Amino acid sequence: MSAGQIAALIAAGAFVLLVIFLAIALVKLGRTLDEATIAIRKAHENTDPILHGANETITHVNTQLERVDGITANAQAVSGNVSALSSVFTATLGGPLVKLAALSYGISKALRARRRKAEEGKHSRRRRKKGGRR
């Protein structure tokens, strides 16, 4: 064997080793891809029930939001009615009630002043009587 043939055999052996290493790497890569495919398939199978549940939840939430919108509209209508009613009450009864309150205050003040004068008169009469007996 010549030196060229030995070099060719060494090169061929190195090429065979390279092919073997590449084959091992490709087999491992193939297994990894198979595992990834299985994991993706399982994830896809598990997401269907989750998505279905999410759709049901969203439908339920939308129904509740529609109810809340109705309640809010009714509350707004009630507050408008209460505001209008208080305006009507103030316009029709507010003025006369204020006048009545002022009249009753004036009468009670006058009665208190009258009682006070009557009490002062009694005390002064008593003083005069007591003063005359001495």
N, C-alpha and C. Protein backbone atom coordinates (compact mmCIF):
# COMPACT_ATOMS: atom_id res chain seq x y z
N MET A 1 0.81 -1.16 0.00
CA MET A 1 0.00 0.00 0.00
C MET A 1 0.87 1.25 0.00
N SER A 2 0.38 2.12 -0.74
CA SER A 2 1.15 3.35 -0.88
C SER A 2 0.65 4.38 0.13
N ALA A 3 1.36 5.44 0.26
CA ALA A 3 1.01 6.49 1.21
C ALA A 3 -0.30 7.15 0.81
N GLY A 4 -0.59 7.26 -0.47
CA GLY A 4 -1.85 7.86 -0.94
C GLY A 4 -3.03 6.99 -0.58
N GLN A 5 -2.82 5.65 -0.69
CA GLN A 5 -3.91 4.74 -0.35
C GLN A 5 -4.18 4.76 1.16
N ILE A 6 -3.14 4.85 1.95
CA ILE A 6 -3.31 4.91 3.40
C ILE A 6 -4.04 6.21 3.77
N ALA A 7 -3.66 7.28 3.12
CA ALA A 7 -4.31 8.56 3.38
C ALA A 7 -5.78 8.48 2.97
N ALA A 8 -6.07 7.78 1.87
CA ALA A 8 -7.46 7.65 1.41
C ALA A 8 -8.25 6.82 2.39
N LEU A 9 -7.65 5.74 2.94
CA LEU A 9 -8.33 4.91 3.95
C LEU A 9 -8.59 5.70 5.23
N ILE A 10 -7.65 6.52 5.64
CA ILE A 10 -7.82 7.35 6.84
C ILE A 10 -8.95 8.36 6.59
N ALA A 11 -8.95 8.96 5.40
CA ALA A 11 -9.98 9.92 5.06
C ALA A 11 -11.34 9.25 5.01
N ALA A 12 -11.40 8.04 4.45
CA ALA A 12 -12.66 7.30 4.37
C ALA A 12 -13.14 6.95 5.77
N GLY A 13 -12.23 6.53 6.66
CA GLY A 13 -12.60 6.22 8.05
C GLY A 13 -13.12 7.44 8.77
N ALA A 14 -12.46 8.57 8.56
CA ALA A 14 -12.90 9.81 9.18
C ALA A 14 -14.28 10.20 8.66
N PHE A 15 -14.50 9.98 7.35
CA PHE A 15 -15.80 10.29 6.76
C PHE A 15 -16.88 9.39 7.35
N VAL A 16 -16.56 8.11 7.55
CA VAL A 16 -17.52 7.17 8.14
C VAL A 16 -17.85 7.60 9.56
N LEU A 17 -16.84 8.00 10.36
CA LEU A 17 -17.07 8.48 11.72
C LEU A 17 -17.95 9.74 11.72
N LEU A 18 -17.67 10.62 10.76
CA LEU A 18 -18.48 11.83 10.64
C LEU A 18 -19.92 11.49 10.32
N VAL A 19 -20.13 10.55 9.41
CA VAL A 19 -21.49 10.13 9.04
C VAL A 19 -22.19 9.50 10.25
N ILE A 20 -21.45 8.67 11.03
CA ILE A 20 -22.03 8.04 12.22
C ILE A 20 -22.44 9.11 13.23
N PHE A 21 -21.57 10.09 13.50
CA PHE A 21 -21.90 11.15 14.45
C PHE A 21 -23.11 11.96 13.98
N LEU A 22 -23.14 12.25 12.68
CA LEU A 22 -24.29 12.98 12.13
C LEU A 22 -25.56 12.15 12.23
N ALA A 23 -25.46 10.84 12.00
CA ALA A 23 -26.62 9.97 12.10
C ALA A 23 -27.15 9.96 13.53
N ILE A 24 -26.25 9.87 14.51
CA ILE A 24 -26.66 9.88 15.92
C ILE A 24 -27.36 11.21 16.25
N ALA A 25 -26.79 12.33 15.79
CA ALA A 25 -27.37 13.64 16.04
C ALA A 25 -28.75 13.75 15.39
N LEU A 26 -28.88 13.22 14.16
CA LEU A 26 -30.17 13.27 13.47
C LEU A 26 -31.22 12.40 14.17
N VAL A 27 -30.81 11.25 14.68
CA VAL A 27 -31.75 10.39 15.42
C VAL A 27 -32.22 11.09 16.68
N LYS A 28 -31.28 11.72 17.41
CA LYS A 28 -31.67 12.45 18.62
C LYS A 28 -32.59 13.62 18.27
N LEU A 29 -32.28 14.34 17.20
CA LEU A 29 -33.12 15.44 16.76
C LEU A 29 -34.51 14.95 16.37
N GLY A 30 -34.56 13.80 15.72
CA GLY A 30 -35.85 13.22 15.35
C GLY A 30 -36.67 12.87 16.58
N ARG A 31 -36.05 12.30 17.62
CA ARG A 31 -36.76 11.99 18.86
C ARG A 31 -37.27 13.27 19.53
N THR A 32 -36.42 14.29 19.52
CA THR A 32 -36.82 15.57 20.11
C THR A 32 -38.03 16.14 19.38
N LEU A 33 -38.00 16.07 18.05
CA LEU A 33 -39.13 16.57 17.27
C LEU A 33 -40.39 15.74 17.52
N ASP A 34 -40.23 14.43 17.68
CA ASP A 34 -41.38 13.58 17.99
C ASP A 34 -41.99 13.97 19.34
N GLU A 35 -41.13 14.18 20.34
CA GLU A 35 -41.62 14.59 21.66
C GLU A 35 -42.31 15.95 21.59
N ALA A 36 -41.72 16.86 20.81
CA ALA A 36 -42.33 18.18 20.66
C ALA A 36 -43.69 18.06 19.98
N THR A 37 -43.79 17.18 18.98
CA THR A 37 -45.07 16.98 18.29
C THR A 37 -46.11 16.42 19.26
N ILE A 38 -45.70 15.47 20.08
CA ILE A 38 -46.63 14.88 21.07
C ILE A 38 -47.08 15.95 22.07
N ALA A 39 -46.13 16.75 22.53
CA ALA A 39 -46.47 17.81 23.49
C ALA A 39 -47.43 18.82 22.88
N ILE A 40 -47.20 19.19 21.64
CA ILE A 40 -48.09 20.14 20.97
C ILE A 40 -49.48 19.54 20.79
N ARG A 41 -49.54 18.25 20.44
CA ARG A 41 -50.82 17.58 20.27
C ARG A 41 -51.60 17.53 21.59
N LYS A 42 -50.89 17.21 22.69
CA LYS A 42 -51.54 17.18 23.99
C LYS A 42 -52.02 18.58 24.41
N ALA A 43 -51.19 19.57 24.15
CA ALA A 43 -51.59 20.94 24.48
C ALA A 43 -52.81 21.35 23.68
N HIS A 44 -52.86 20.96 22.42
CA HIS A 44 -54.01 21.28 21.58
C HIS A 44 -55.26 20.57 22.09
N GLU A 45 -55.12 19.32 22.50
CA GLU A 45 -56.27 18.57 23.03
C GLU A 45 -56.76 19.20 24.34
N ASN A 46 -55.87 19.71 25.16
CA ASN A 46 -56.26 20.32 26.43
C ASN A 46 -56.81 21.73 26.27
N THR A 47 -56.47 22.41 25.19
CA THR A 47 -56.96 23.77 25.01
C THR A 47 -58.41 23.82 24.54
N ASP A 48 -58.90 22.78 23.88
CA ASP A 48 -60.28 22.80 23.42
C ASP A 48 -61.27 22.96 24.58
N PRO A 49 -61.17 22.15 25.65
CA PRO A 49 -62.10 22.38 26.77
C PRO A 49 -61.90 23.74 27.44
N ILE A 50 -60.67 24.19 27.52
CA ILE A 50 -60.41 25.49 28.13
C ILE A 50 -61.06 26.60 27.31
N LEU A 51 -60.90 26.54 25.99
CA LEU A 51 -61.51 27.56 25.13
C LEU A 51 -63.03 27.49 25.19
N HIS A 52 -63.56 26.28 25.26
CA HIS A 52 -65.01 26.13 25.36
C HIS A 52 -65.52 26.75 26.67
N GLY A 53 -64.81 26.46 27.76
CA GLY A 53 -65.17 27.05 29.06
C GLY A 53 -65.04 28.57 29.05
N ALA A 54 -64.00 29.07 28.38
CA ALA A 54 -63.82 30.52 28.29
C ALA A 54 -64.96 31.15 27.51
N ASN A 55 -65.40 30.49 26.44
CA ASN A 55 -66.53 31.02 25.68
C ASN A 55 -67.80 31.04 26.51
N GLU A 56 -68.03 30.00 27.30
CA GLU A 56 -69.21 29.98 28.17
C GLU A 56 -69.12 31.08 29.22
N THR A 57 -67.93 31.28 29.77
CA THR A 57 -67.74 32.33 30.77
C THR A 57 -68.00 33.70 30.17
N ILE A 58 -67.48 33.94 28.99
CA ILE A 58 -67.68 35.23 28.33
C ILE A 58 -69.16 35.45 28.04
N THR A 59 -69.85 34.41 27.62
CA THR A 59 -71.29 34.53 27.36
C THR A 59 -72.03 34.88 28.65
N HIS A 60 -71.66 34.21 29.73
CA HIS A 60 -72.29 34.48 31.03
C HIS A 60 -72.00 35.92 31.49
N VAL A 61 -70.76 36.35 31.32
CA VAL A 61 -70.39 37.71 31.72
C VAL A 61 -71.15 38.74 30.88
N ASN A 62 -71.30 38.48 29.59
CA ASN A 62 -72.05 39.40 28.74
C ASN A 62 -73.51 39.49 29.19
N THR A 63 -74.08 38.35 29.56
CA THR A 63 -75.46 38.35 30.05
C THR A 63 -75.57 39.19 31.32
N GLN A 64 -74.63 39.00 32.23
CA GLN A 64 -74.65 39.77 33.48
C GLN A 64 -74.44 41.26 33.21
N LEU A 65 -73.58 41.59 32.26
CA LEU A 65 -73.36 43.00 31.92
C LEU A 65 -74.62 43.63 31.33
N GLU A 66 -75.36 42.87 30.54
CA GLU A 66 -76.62 43.39 30.02
C GLU A 66 -77.60 43.67 31.15
N ARG A 67 -77.62 42.78 32.15
CA ARG A 67 -78.50 43.00 33.30
C ARG A 67 -78.07 44.24 34.07
N VAL A 68 -76.76 44.38 34.26
CA VAL A 68 -76.25 45.55 34.99
C VAL A 68 -76.57 46.83 34.21
N ASP A 69 -76.47 46.77 32.89
CA ASP A 69 -76.82 47.94 32.08
C ASP A 69 -78.29 48.30 32.29
N GLY A 70 -79.16 47.30 32.33
CA GLY A 70 -80.58 47.56 32.58
C GLY A 70 -80.80 48.15 33.95
N ILE A 71 -80.11 47.61 34.95
CA ILE A 71 -80.26 48.13 36.31
C ILE A 71 -79.75 49.57 36.38
N THR A 72 -78.63 49.84 35.72
CA THR A 72 -78.08 51.19 35.72
C THR A 72 -79.03 52.17 35.03
N ALA A 73 -79.62 51.75 33.93
CA ALA A 73 -80.58 52.62 33.24
C ALA A 73 -81.79 52.89 34.12
N ASN A 74 -82.28 51.86 34.81
CA ASN A 74 -83.42 52.05 35.70
C ASN A 74 -83.06 52.96 36.87
N ALA A 75 -81.87 52.79 37.43
CA ALA A 75 -81.44 53.65 38.53
C ALA A 75 -81.32 55.10 38.07
N GLN A 76 -80.82 55.28 36.87
CA GLN A 76 -80.71 56.63 36.33
C GLN A 76 -82.09 57.25 36.15
N ALA A 77 -83.05 56.46 35.65
CA ALA A 77 -84.42 56.96 35.48
C ALA A 77 -85.03 57.30 36.84
N VAL A 78 -84.80 56.46 37.84
CA VAL A 78 -85.35 56.72 39.17
C VAL A 78 -84.74 57.99 39.76
N SER A 79 -83.44 58.17 39.60
CA SER A 79 -82.81 59.38 40.15
C SER A 79 -83.34 60.63 39.43
N GLY A 80 -83.59 60.52 38.14
CA GLY A 80 -84.20 61.65 37.41
C GLY A 80 -85.60 61.94 37.92
N ASN A 81 -86.37 60.88 38.18
CA ASN A 81 -87.73 61.07 38.70
C ASN A 81 -87.71 61.68 40.09
N VAL A 82 -86.78 61.24 40.94
CA VAL A 82 -86.68 61.80 42.28
C VAL A 82 -86.28 63.27 42.22
N SER A 83 -85.38 63.59 41.31
CA SER A 83 -84.97 64.99 41.16
C SER A 83 -86.15 65.85 40.71
N ALA A 84 -86.91 65.34 39.74
CA ALA A 84 -88.08 66.10 39.28
C ALA A 84 -89.11 66.23 40.39
N LEU A 85 -89.31 65.17 41.15
CA LEU A 85 -90.28 65.20 42.24
C LEU A 85 -89.87 66.18 43.33
N SER A 86 -88.59 66.21 43.65
CA SER A 86 -88.13 67.17 44.67
C SER A 86 -88.26 68.60 44.16
N SER A 87 -88.04 68.80 42.87
CA SER A 87 -88.23 70.15 42.30
C SER A 87 -89.69 70.56 42.39
N VAL A 88 -90.58 69.64 42.05
CA VAL A 88 -92.02 69.95 42.12
C VAL A 88 -92.42 70.21 43.57
N PHE A 89 -91.94 69.39 44.50
CA PHE A 89 -92.26 69.57 45.91
C PHE A 89 -91.77 70.93 46.40
N THR A 90 -90.55 71.27 46.04
CA THR A 90 -89.99 72.56 46.45
C THR A 90 -90.79 73.71 45.87
N ALA A 91 -91.20 73.59 44.61
CA ALA A 91 -91.93 74.67 43.96
C ALA A 91 -93.33 74.83 44.55
N THR A 92 -93.99 73.70 44.85
CA THR A 92 -95.38 73.81 45.31
C THR A 92 -95.50 73.98 46.81
N LEU A 93 -94.71 73.27 47.59
CA LEU A 93 -94.87 73.30 49.04
C LEU A 93 -93.75 74.02 49.75
N GLY A 94 -92.65 74.24 49.07
CA GLY A 94 -91.49 74.85 49.73
C GLY A 94 -91.77 76.25 50.21
N GLY A 95 -92.33 77.09 49.36
CA GLY A 95 -92.62 78.47 49.73
C GLY A 95 -93.62 78.56 50.87
N PRO A 96 -94.78 77.92 50.76
CA PRO A 96 -95.74 77.98 51.87
C PRO A 96 -95.20 77.37 53.17
N LEU A 97 -94.41 76.29 53.07
CA LEU A 97 -93.84 75.69 54.29
C LEU A 97 -92.86 76.64 54.96
N VAL A 98 -92.08 77.35 54.17
CA VAL A 98 -91.15 78.32 54.73
C VAL A 98 -91.93 79.44 55.42
N LYS A 99 -93.00 79.90 54.79
CA LYS A 99 -93.83 80.95 55.40
C LYS A 99 -94.48 80.46 56.67
N LEU A 100 -94.97 79.21 56.66
CA LEU A 100 -95.60 78.64 57.85
C LEU A 100 -94.58 78.50 58.97
N ALA A 101 -93.38 78.06 58.64
CA ALA A 101 -92.33 77.93 59.66
C ALA A 101 -91.97 79.29 60.24
N ALA A 102 -91.90 80.31 59.40
CA ALA A 102 -91.59 81.66 59.88
C ALA A 102 -92.72 82.17 60.78
N LEU A 103 -93.97 81.91 60.39
CA LEU A 103 -95.11 82.33 61.19
C LEU A 103 -95.10 81.64 62.55
N SER A 104 -94.87 80.32 62.56
CA SER A 104 -94.87 79.60 63.83
C SER A 104 -93.70 80.06 64.70
N TYR A 105 -92.56 80.37 64.11
CA TYR A 105 -91.44 80.88 64.89
C TYR A 105 -91.78 82.23 65.50
N GLY A 106 -92.40 83.08 64.70
CA GLY A 106 -92.79 84.40 65.20
C GLY A 106 -93.80 84.30 66.32
N ILE A 107 -94.80 83.42 66.17
CA ILE A 107 -95.82 83.25 67.20
C ILE A 107 -95.19 82.72 68.48
N SER A 108 -94.32 81.70 68.36
CA SER A 108 -93.69 81.15 69.56
C SER A 108 -92.80 82.19 70.23
N LYS A 109 -92.12 83.01 69.47
CA LYS A 109 -91.28 84.06 70.05
C LYS A 109 -92.13 85.09 70.77
N ALA A 110 -93.26 85.43 70.16
CA ALA A 110 -94.16 86.40 70.80
C ALA A 110 -94.74 85.82 72.08
N LEU A 111 -95.13 84.55 72.06
CA LEU A 111 -95.68 83.93 73.26
C LEU A 111 -94.63 83.87 74.37
N ARG A 112 -93.40 83.55 74.03
CA ARG A 112 -92.34 83.52 75.03
C ARG A 112 -92.12 84.90 75.63
N ALA A 113 -92.14 85.92 74.78
CA ALA A 113 -91.94 87.29 75.27
C ALA A 113 -93.11 87.69 76.18
N ARG A 114 -94.30 87.30 75.81
CA ARG A 114 -95.48 87.62 76.61
C ARG A 114 -95.42 86.91 77.96
N ARG A 115 -95.00 85.63 77.95
CA ARG A 115 -94.87 84.89 79.21
C ARG A 115 -93.80 85.52 80.08
N ARG A 116 -92.71 85.94 79.46
CA ARG A 116 -91.63 86.55 80.21
C ARG A 116 -92.11 87.84 80.88
N LYS A 117 -92.87 88.64 80.14
CA LYS A 117 -93.40 89.86 80.73
C LYS A 117 -94.37 89.55 81.86
N ALA A 118 -95.19 88.50 81.66
CA ALA A 118 -96.14 88.12 82.71
C ALA A 118 -95.38 87.65 83.95
N GLU A 119 -94.32 86.89 83.77
CA GLU A 119 -93.51 86.42 84.89
C GLU A 119 -92.85 87.60 85.59
N GLU A 120 -92.34 88.55 84.82
CA GLU A 120 -91.71 89.73 85.42
C GLU A 120 -92.75 90.54 86.19
N GLY A 121 -93.96 90.60 85.64
CA GLY A 121 -95.04 91.33 86.34
C GLY A 121 -95.37 90.66 87.66
N LYS A 122 -95.45 89.35 87.69
CA LYS A 122 -95.74 88.62 88.94
C LYS A 122 -94.64 88.87 89.96
N HIS A 123 -93.41 88.81 89.51
CA HIS A 123 -92.29 89.02 90.44
C HIS A 123 -92.28 90.44 90.98
N SER A 124 -92.58 91.40 90.14
CA SER A 124 -92.56 92.79 90.60
C SER A 124 -93.72 93.04 91.57
N ARG A 125 -94.90 92.42 91.33
CA ARG A 125 -96.02 92.55 92.24
C ARG A 125 -95.68 91.92 93.58
N ARG A 126 -95.04 90.77 93.55
CA ARG A 126 -94.65 90.10 94.79
C ARG A 126 -93.65 90.95 95.56
N ARG A 127 -92.73 91.57 94.85
CA ARG A 127 -91.74 92.42 95.52
C ARG A 127 -92.41 93.62 96.19
N ARG A 128 -93.40 94.18 95.46
CA ARG A 128 -94.10 95.33 96.01
C ARG A 128 -94.88 94.93 97.27
N LYS A 129 -95.51 93.72 97.18
CA LYS A 129 -96.29 93.26 98.35
C LYS A 129 -95.35 92.99 99.52
N LYS A 130 -94.26 92.33 99.25
CA LYS A 130 -93.29 92.03 100.31
C LYS A 130 -92.69 93.32 100.86
N GLY A 131 -92.45 94.26 100.00
CA GLY A 131 -91.84 95.50 100.44
C GLY A 131 -92.81 96.31 101.29
N GLY A 132 -94.10 96.26 101.05
CA GLY A 132 -95.08 97.01 101.80
C GLY A 132 -95.33 96.42 103.17
N ARG A 133 -95.15 95.21 103.43
CA ARG A 133 -95.41 94.57 104.71
C ARG A 133 -94.32 94.87 105.73
N ARG A 134 -93.22 95.17 105.35
CA ARG A 134 -92.09 95.35 106.27
C ARG A 134 -92.27 96.55 107.04
